[in-house]
Amino acid sequence: MSDTADPTAPKAPTGPAAPSGDATRATGTPAGPRPEPLRFFGTTWVRHDGGYGVRRAGVAAGSLAAAVVGALALRFAYEGLSIARVGGFVNGLLVVMFAVCTALAFQRTWEGFVRRPADPAREEALRSLKAVGFLGALLAYFVRSLFEAPGEKLVRAEYETARAQYEKRRTTRTGNPATRKKRPRR
């Protein structure tokens, strides 16, 4: 047999391993709850590192550009109906339908950044409405990304609550060797 190591075998950690009661694991990741990754941001929202600002600017520009392209596509569709001469009633109905769907999609998307839906089945049923009013969803994404990563406020509050509960459980547990104070020797 050769002395070369198997490349598929798990490698031992090279640095010193953390004690079992320490707040970090041997891999260097903190113990306890993990932050929920956000679309386009991963977990960079936690400490605003890893190009967070650039990503936010990219998301804002991308969502605004997608909204402009979508508005142009809707304009071409409307002009197609005008060329087809379907009538004023159908044209008006189409404009009202897109306006209402866009407003509802904006509202639902904006609320989704602040709190979890109370009834996920209802949100699933409104998916087609959001698809028709895609301009509202894109504009909500754009406006929210000017201030923070879309959904950051919600997941940050949940993460901080979970961290606080974890720390409380960890420190108030009786007999936890990690939180025991060393007694001075006499």
Protein backbone atom coordinates (compact mmCIF):
# COMPACT_ATOMS: atom_id res chain seq x y z
CA MET A 1 0.00 0.00 0.00
CA SER A 2 1.11 3.54 -0.65
CA ASP A 3 1.53 6.14 2.05
CA THR A 4 -0.71 8.70 0.31
CA ALA A 5 -3.86 9.70 2.11
CA ASP A 6 -7.30 8.99 0.68
CA PRO A 7 -8.61 12.28 -0.80
CA THR A 8 -12.21 11.32 0.03
CA ALA A 9 -11.48 10.68 3.71
CA PRO A 10 -12.58 13.39 6.14
CA LYS A 11 -9.74 15.61 7.26
CA ALA A 12 -8.93 16.31 10.85
CA PRO A 13 -9.16 19.92 11.97
CA THR A 14 -5.81 21.66 11.75
CA GLY A 15 -6.37 24.22 14.50
CA PRO A 16 -6.97 23.63 18.16
CA ALA A 17 -10.38 22.18 18.86
CA ALA A 18 -12.67 24.25 21.02
CA PRO A 19 -13.69 22.84 24.38
CA SER A 20 -17.06 21.11 24.38
CA GLY A 21 -18.65 23.78 26.56
CA ASP A 22 -17.31 26.70 24.50
CA ALA A 23 -19.68 28.84 22.43
CA THR A 24 -17.90 27.81 19.23
CA ARG A 25 -17.52 24.43 17.65
CA ALA A 26 -14.31 22.97 16.30
CA THR A 27 -15.18 24.41 12.89
CA GLY A 28 -15.30 27.97 14.22
CA THR A 29 -19.04 28.44 13.68
CA PRO A 30 -21.04 29.65 16.66
CA ALA A 31 -23.14 27.13 18.52
CA GLY A 32 -26.86 27.57 18.69
CA PRO A 33 -29.35 28.77 16.10
CA ARG A 34 -28.10 29.60 12.63
CA PRO A 35 -29.25 32.61 10.62
CA GLU A 36 -31.67 32.00 7.77
CA PRO A 37 -30.10 32.77 4.39
CA LEU A 38 -31.84 35.39 2.26
CA ARG A 39 -32.14 35.24 -1.52
CA PHE A 40 -29.17 37.00 -3.17
CA PHE A 41 -27.60 37.71 0.23
CA GLY A 42 -27.02 34.36 1.93
CA THR A 43 -26.11 35.12 5.52
CA THR A 44 -24.17 38.34 4.77
CA TRP A 45 -27.06 40.29 6.31
CA VAL A 46 -26.01 39.23 9.81
CA ARG A 47 -22.85 41.37 9.97
CA HIS A 48 -23.29 43.28 6.69
CA ASP A 49 -20.09 41.74 5.35
CA GLY A 50 -19.15 39.83 2.22
CA GLY A 51 -20.19 42.54 -0.23
CA TYR A 52 -23.53 43.24 1.43
CA GLY A 53 -23.69 46.84 0.17
CA VAL A 54 -22.78 45.87 -3.37
CA ARG A 55 -25.35 43.09 -3.32
CA ARG A 56 -28.03 45.49 -2.09
CA ALA A 57 -27.19 47.95 -4.85
CA GLY A 58 -27.26 45.12 -7.39
CA VAL A 59 -30.63 43.87 -6.16
CA ALA A 60 -32.06 47.39 -6.27
CA ALA A 61 -30.77 48.01 -9.79
CA GLY A 62 -31.79 44.57 -11.00
CA SER A 63 -35.32 44.76 -9.66
CA LEU A 64 -35.80 48.25 -11.07
CA ALA A 65 -34.45 47.16 -14.46
CA ALA A 66 -36.74 44.11 -14.44
CA ALA A 67 -39.70 46.35 -13.57
CA VAL A 68 -38.88 48.68 -16.48
CA VAL A 69 -38.57 45.75 -18.90
CA GLY A 70 -41.85 44.33 -17.57
CA ALA A 71 -43.61 47.66 -18.01
CA LEU A 72 -42.37 47.85 -21.60
CA ALA A 73 -43.64 44.33 -22.25
CA LEU A 74 -47.06 45.28 -20.85
CA ARG A 75 -47.07 48.40 -23.02
CA PHE A 76 -46.39 46.31 -26.13
CA ALA A 77 -49.19 43.96 -25.14
CA TYR A 78 -51.55 46.90 -24.71
CA GLU A 79 -50.54 48.28 -28.11
CA GLY A 80 -51.22 44.86 -29.59
CA LEU A 81 -54.74 44.99 -28.23
CA SER A 82 -55.14 48.48 -29.65
CA ILE A 83 -54.02 47.27 -33.07
CA ALA A 84 -56.47 44.37 -32.82
CA ARG A 85 -59.23 46.88 -32.03
CA VAL A 86 -60.85 44.76 -29.36
CA GLY A 87 -62.71 47.75 -27.98
CA GLY A 88 -62.52 50.26 -25.21
CA PHE A 89 -64.18 48.02 -22.64
CA VAL A 90 -61.56 45.27 -22.98
CA ASN A 91 -58.73 47.80 -22.94
CA GLY A 92 -60.12 49.43 -19.80
CA LEU A 93 -60.69 46.05 -18.16
CA LEU A 94 -57.10 45.06 -18.90
CA VAL A 95 -55.71 48.28 -17.42
CA VAL A 96 -57.83 47.96 -14.29
CA MET A 97 -56.90 44.29 -13.87
CA PHE A 98 -53.17 44.99 -14.08
CA ALA A 99 -53.45 48.02 -11.79
CA VAL A 100 -55.33 46.08 -9.10
CA CYS A 101 -53.06 43.04 -9.35
CA THR A 102 -49.96 45.25 -9.21
CA ALA A 103 -51.23 47.05 -6.11
CA LEU A 104 -52.13 43.79 -4.37
CA ALA A 105 -48.81 42.18 -5.31
CA PHE A 106 -46.93 45.20 -3.92
CA GLN A 107 -48.89 45.05 -0.67
CA ARG A 108 -48.49 41.28 -0.21
CA THR A 109 -44.80 41.37 -1.06
CA TRP A 110 -44.18 44.30 1.29
CA GLU A 111 -46.03 42.53 4.12
CA GLY A 112 -43.97 39.41 3.45
CA PHE A 113 -40.84 41.40 4.30
CA VAL A 114 -42.24 42.38 7.70
CA ARG A 115 -44.00 39.24 8.97
CA ARG A 116 -44.61 35.63 8.08
CA PRO A 117 -47.97 34.94 6.44
CA ALA A 118 -50.63 33.82 8.91
CA ASP A 119 -52.13 31.42 6.37
CA PRO A 120 -49.56 29.95 3.96
CA ALA A 121 -52.31 28.21 1.98
CA ARG A 122 -53.89 31.58 1.23
CA GLU A 123 -50.55 32.97 0.09
CA GLU A 124 -50.16 29.98 -2.20
CA ALA A 125 -53.60 30.65 -3.66
CA LEU A 126 -52.61 34.27 -4.34
CA ARG A 127 -49.48 33.23 -6.22
CA SER A 128 -51.13 33.71 -9.62
CA LEU A 129 -52.33 37.17 -8.61
CA LYS A 130 -48.76 38.07 -7.70
CA ALA A 131 -47.59 36.72 -11.06
CA VAL A 132 -50.03 38.97 -12.93
CA GLY A 133 -49.05 41.94 -10.77
CA PHE A 134 -45.34 41.19 -11.04
CA LEU A 135 -44.57 44.91 -11.40
CA GLY A 136 -45.80 45.51 -7.85
CA ALA A 137 -43.65 42.71 -6.47
CA LEU A 138 -40.58 44.01 -8.32
CA LEU A 139 -41.19 47.57 -7.15
CA ALA A 140 -41.63 46.40 -3.55
CA TYR A 141 -38.34 44.52 -3.84
CA PHE A 142 -36.68 47.66 -5.24
CA VAL A 143 -37.98 50.01 -2.54
CA ARG A 144 -37.13 47.59 0.28
CA SER A 145 -33.61 47.03 -1.03
CA LEU A 146 -32.94 50.77 -0.75
CA PHE A 147 -33.14 50.45 3.05
CA GLU A 148 -32.11 46.86 3.81
CA ALA A 149 -31.95 43.40 2.30
CA PRO A 150 -35.55 42.45 1.50
CA GLY A 151 -36.76 40.39 4.45
CA GLU A 152 -33.78 41.26 6.66
CA LYS A 153 -35.85 42.90 9.39
CA LEU A 154 -38.02 39.80 9.76
CA VAL A 155 -35.24 37.22 9.83
CA ARG A 156 -33.04 39.42 12.03
CA ALA A 157 -35.80 39.68 14.66
CA GLU A 158 -36.37 35.91 14.52
CA TYR A 159 -32.64 35.20 14.70
CA GLU A 160 -32.04 37.55 17.65
CA THR A 161 -34.99 36.03 19.51
CA ALA A 162 -33.67 32.52 18.88
CA ARG A 163 -30.15 33.57 20.00
CA ALA A 164 -31.53 35.15 23.19
CA GLN A 165 -33.55 32.03 23.99
CA TYR A 166 -30.53 29.84 23.32
CA GLU A 167 -28.29 31.92 25.59
CA LYS A 168 -30.94 31.94 28.30
CA ARG A 169 -31.30 28.15 28.16
CA ARG A 170 -27.55 27.72 28.10
CA THR A 171 -26.80 29.97 31.06
CA THR A 172 -29.72 29.09 33.33
CA ARG A 173 -29.35 25.34 33.03
CA THR A 174 -28.22 23.86 36.32
CA GLY A 175 -25.13 21.78 36.11
CA ASN A 176 -23.91 23.24 32.83
CA PRO A 177 -20.13 22.81 33.03
CA ALA A 178 -19.52 25.58 30.50
CA THR A 179 -21.06 28.22 32.76
CA ARG A 180 -19.59 27.08 36.06
CA LYS A 181 -17.19 29.47 37.69
CA LYS A 182 -13.94 28.02 38.85
CA ARG A 183 -13.56 28.05 42.59
CA PRO A 184 -10.30 29.44 43.90
CA ARG A 185 -8.02 26.86 45.45
CA ARG A 186 -7.29 27.18 49.14
